[in-house]
C-alpha atoms as a PDB file:
ATOM      1  CA  MET A   1       5.871 -28.685  10.323  1.00  0.00           C
ATOM      2  CA  ASP A   2       9.144 -26.834  11.222  1.00  0.00           C
ATOM      3  CA  LEU A   3      11.851 -28.805  13.053  1.00  0.00           C
ATOM      4  CA  ILE A   4      14.217 -26.545  14.954  1.00  0.00           C
ATOM      5  CA  SER A   5      17.341 -28.000  16.383  1.00  0.00           C
ATOM      6  CA  THR A   6      19.471 -26.345  19.175  1.00  0.00           C
ATOM      7  CA  SER A   7      22.811 -27.533  19.553  1.00  0.00           C
ATOM      8  CA  SER A   8      23.291 -26.629  23.275  1.00  0.00           C
ATOM      9  CA  ASP A   9      20.850 -29.238  24.681  1.00  0.00           C
ATOM     10  CA  GLN A  10      20.152 -31.204  21.591  1.00  0.00           C
ATOM     11  CA  CYS A  11      16.343 -30.873  22.158  1.00  0.00           C
ATOM     12  CA  LEU A  12      13.944 -30.751  19.199  1.00  0.00           C
ATOM     13  CA  SER A  13      10.813 -28.598  18.991  1.00  0.00           C
ATOM     14  CA  LYS A  14       8.226 -28.604  16.364  1.00  0.00           C
ATOM     15  CA  LYS A  15       5.227 -26.461  15.783  1.00  0.00           C
ATOM     16  CA  VAL A  16       1.958 -28.450  15.911  1.00  0.00           C
ATOM     17  CA  LYS A  17      -1.271 -26.529  15.306  1.00  0.00           C
ATOM     18  CA  GLY A  18       0.237 -23.194  16.843  1.00  0.00           C
ATOM     19  CA  TYR A  19       1.811 -24.970  19.920  1.00  0.00           C
ATOM     20  CA  ILE A  20       5.518 -25.595  20.328  1.00  0.00           C
ATOM     21  CA  VAL A  21       6.002 -29.287  21.403  1.00  0.00           C
ATOM     22  CA  PHE A  22       9.517 -30.211  22.839  1.00  0.00           C
ATOM     23  CA  LYS A  23      10.872 -33.626  22.299  1.00  0.00           C
ATOM     24  CA  SER A  24      13.109 -34.693  25.199  1.00  0.00           C
ATOM     25  CA  GLN A  25      15.685 -37.399  24.846  1.00  0.00           C
ATOM     26  CA  SER A  26      14.577 -38.998  28.126  1.00  0.00           C
ATOM     27  CA  LYS A  27      11.126 -40.017  29.374  1.00  0.00           C
ATOM     28  CA  VAL A  28      12.450 -40.479  32.981  1.00  0.00           C
ATOM     29  CA  PRO A  29      11.174 -37.050  34.247  1.00  0.00           C
ATOM     30  CA  ILE A  30       7.528 -37.897  33.016  1.00  0.00           C
ATOM     31  CA  ILE A  31       7.682 -41.367  34.400  1.00  0.00           C
ATOM     32  CA  ILE A  32       8.873 -40.411  37.841  1.00  0.00           C
ATOM     33  CA  THR A  33       6.346 -37.581  38.037  1.00  0.00           C
ATOM     34  CA  SER A  34       3.486 -39.853  36.939  1.00  0.00           C
ATOM     35  CA  ILE A  35       4.508 -42.361  39.665  1.00  0.00           C
ATOM     36  CA  TYR A  36       4.316 -39.483  42.256  1.00  0.00           C
ATOM     37  CA  GLY A  37       1.140 -38.325  40.723  1.00  0.00           C
ATOM     38  CA  VAL A  38      -0.484 -41.811  41.073  1.00  0.00           C
ATOM     39  CA  ILE A  39       0.689 -42.131  44.686  1.00  0.00           C
ATOM     40  CA  SER A  40      -0.731 -38.603  45.486  1.00  0.00           C
ATOM     41  CA  LEU A  41      -4.056 -39.616  43.815  1.00  0.00           C
ATOM     42  CA  MET A  42      -4.147 -42.774  45.836  1.00  0.00           C
ATOM     43  CA  ALA A  43      -3.642 -40.832  49.063  1.00  0.00           C
ATOM     44  CA  PHE A  44      -6.462 -38.406  48.233  1.00  0.00           C
ATOM     45  CA  VAL A  45      -8.753 -41.367  47.440  1.00  0.00           C
ATOM     46  CA  LEU A  46      -7.895 -43.079  50.698  1.00  0.00           C
ATOM     47  CA  MET A  47      -8.505 -39.816  52.545  1.00  0.00           C
ATOM     48  CA  PHE A  48     -12.030 -39.314  51.082  1.00  0.00           C
ATOM     49  CA  ALA A  49     -12.797 -42.976  51.262  1.00  0.00           C
ATOM     50  CA  THR A  50     -12.114 -43.249  54.976  1.00  0.00           C
ATOM     51  CA  ILE A  51     -13.063 -39.806  56.009  1.00  0.00           C
ATOM     52  CA  ASP A  52     -15.978 -40.878  58.205  1.00  0.00           C
ATOM     53  CA  THR A  53     -14.351 -43.954  59.816  1.00  0.00           C
ATOM     54  CA  GLU A  54     -10.747 -42.706  60.644  1.00  0.00           C
ATOM     55  CA  SER A  55      -9.660 -39.472  62.227  1.00  0.00           C
ATOM     56  CA  LEU A  56      -6.156 -39.821  60.605  1.00  0.00           C
ATOM     57  CA  SER A  57      -7.436 -40.379  57.070  1.00  0.00           C
ATOM     58  CA  GLY A  58      -5.462 -37.503  55.650  1.00  0.00           C
ATOM     59  CA  ILE A  59      -2.084 -38.385  56.934  1.00  0.00           C
ATOM     60  CA  PHE A  60      -0.974 -39.955  53.679  1.00  0.00           C
ATOM     61  CA  VAL A  61      -1.969 -36.678  51.856  1.00  0.00           C
ATOM     62  CA  VAL A  62       0.106 -34.728  54.396  1.00  0.00           C
ATOM     63  CA  LEU A  63       3.115 -36.980  53.837  1.00  0.00           C
ATOM     64  CA  VAL A  64       3.021 -36.721  50.101  1.00  0.00           C
ATOM     65  CA  ALA A  65       2.640 -32.888  50.247  1.00  0.00           C
ATOM     66  CA  MET A  66       5.656 -32.544  52.441  1.00  0.00           C
ATOM     67  CA  PRO A  67       7.283 -29.910  53.179  1.00  0.00           C
ATOM     68  CA  TRP A  68       4.520 -27.701  52.022  1.00  0.00           C
ATOM     69  CA  SER A  69       1.989 -29.159  54.465  1.00  0.00           C
ATOM     70  CA  ILE A  70       4.260 -27.916  57.225  1.00  0.00           C
ATOM     71  CA  TYR A  71       4.544 -24.501  55.675  1.00  0.00           C
ATOM     72  CA  PHE A  72       0.823 -24.129  54.909  1.00  0.00           C
ATOM     73  CA  SER A  73      -0.292 -25.080  58.546  1.00  0.00           C
ATOM     74  CA  PRO A  74       0.311 -21.687  60.038  1.00  0.00           C
ATOM     75  CA  LEU A  75      -1.145 -19.957  56.872  1.00  0.00           C
ATOM     76  CA  ILE A  76      -4.325 -22.012  57.351  1.00  0.00           C
ATOM     77  CA  GLU A  77      -4.546 -21.252  61.017  1.00  0.00           C
ATOM     78  CA  SER A  78      -4.049 -17.528  60.313  1.00  0.00           C
ATOM     79  CA  ILE A  79      -6.979 -17.566  57.926  1.00  0.00           C
ATOM     80  CA  GLY A  80      -9.172 -18.673  60.771  1.00  0.00           C
ATOM     81  CA  ILE A  81     -11.413 -20.898  58.700  1.00  0.00           C
ATOM     82  CA  ASP A  82     -11.387 -24.449  60.018  1.00  0.00           C
ATOM     83  CA  SER A  83     -12.694 -26.067  56.685  1.00  0.00           C
ATOM     84  CA  MET A  84     -11.617 -29.386  55.373  1.00  0.00           C
ATOM     85  CA  ILE A  85     -12.080 -28.027  51.785  1.00  0.00           C
ATOM     86  CA  ILE A  86      -9.533 -25.203  52.460  1.00  0.00           C
ATOM     87  CA  LYS A  87      -7.007 -27.674  53.923  1.00  0.00           C
ATOM     88  CA  THR A  88      -7.470 -30.107  51.120  1.00  0.00           C
ATOM     89  CA  LEU A  89      -6.934 -27.311  48.494  1.00  0.00           C
ATOM     90  CA  PHE A  90      -3.639 -26.352  50.221  1.00  0.00           C
ATOM     91  CA  MET A  91      -2.580 -29.928  50.136  1.00  0.00           C
ATOM     92  CA  VAL A  92      -3.362 -30.111  46.432  1.00  0.00           C
ATOM     93  CA  VAL A  93      -1.177 -27.017  45.851  1.00  0.00           C
ATOM     94  CA  GLY A  94       1.538 -28.797  47.889  1.00  0.00           C
ATOM     95  CA  VAL A  95       1.361 -31.748  45.660  1.00  0.00           C
ATOM     96  CA  MET A  96       1.452 -29.719  42.570  1.00  0.00           C
ATOM     97  CA  ILE A  97       4.559 -27.917  43.659  1.00  0.00           C
ATOM     98  CA  ASN A  98       6.204 -31.231  44.527  1.00  0.00           C
ATOM     99  CA  ALA A  99       5.207 -32.615  41.116  1.00  0.00           C
ATOM    100  CA  PHE A 100       6.709 -29.527  39.373  1.00  0.00           C
ATOM    101  CA  LEU A 101       9.994 -29.726  41.465  1.00  0.00           C
ATOM    102  CA  ILE A 102      10.309 -33.494  40.814  1.00  0.00           C
ATOM    103  CA  TYR A 103       9.838 -32.983  37.066  1.00  0.00           C
ATOM    104  CA  SER A 104      12.210 -30.086  36.961  1.00  0.00           C
ATOM    105  CA  PHE A 105      14.952 -31.893  38.845  1.00  0.00           C
ATOM    106  CA  PHE A 106      14.742 -34.942  36.793  1.00  0.00           C
ATOM    107  CA  SER A 107      14.604 -32.985  33.593  1.00  0.00           C
ATOM    108  CA  PHE A 108      17.818 -31.184  34.669  1.00  0.00           C
ATOM    109  CA  ILE A 109      19.574 -34.360  35.664  1.00  0.00           C
ATOM    110  CA  THR A 110      18.691 -36.218  32.386  1.00  0.00           C
ATOM    111  CA  ARG A 111      19.549 -33.031  30.255  1.00  0.00           C
ATOM    112  CA  ARG A 112      23.139 -33.017  31.796  1.00  0.00           C
ATOM    113  CA  LYS A 113      24.220 -36.363  30.504  1.00  0.00           C
END
């Protein structure tokens, strides 16, 4: 295993079976992104568990996918397909974008210390 140290951000990387694995000094970005992921997963489970009984079963998914749920609404309407699968896929994309942004933000903040 090669250990490579960079002096600019003091991160270590090592090659493990052909992949480069970065060792960060802080686990905060992973923890906060995981919490967001669990909340998002719970919102999706709630949506599918109450889909037959409640007309507002997807409201929590829309909230955790904000602001992308607002941006994707005109796009979904322009497609012209009123399908729950398409809407759910767009909400999954919104949640993934938010998770990436949360991870990136907290990685930047913890790296600047």
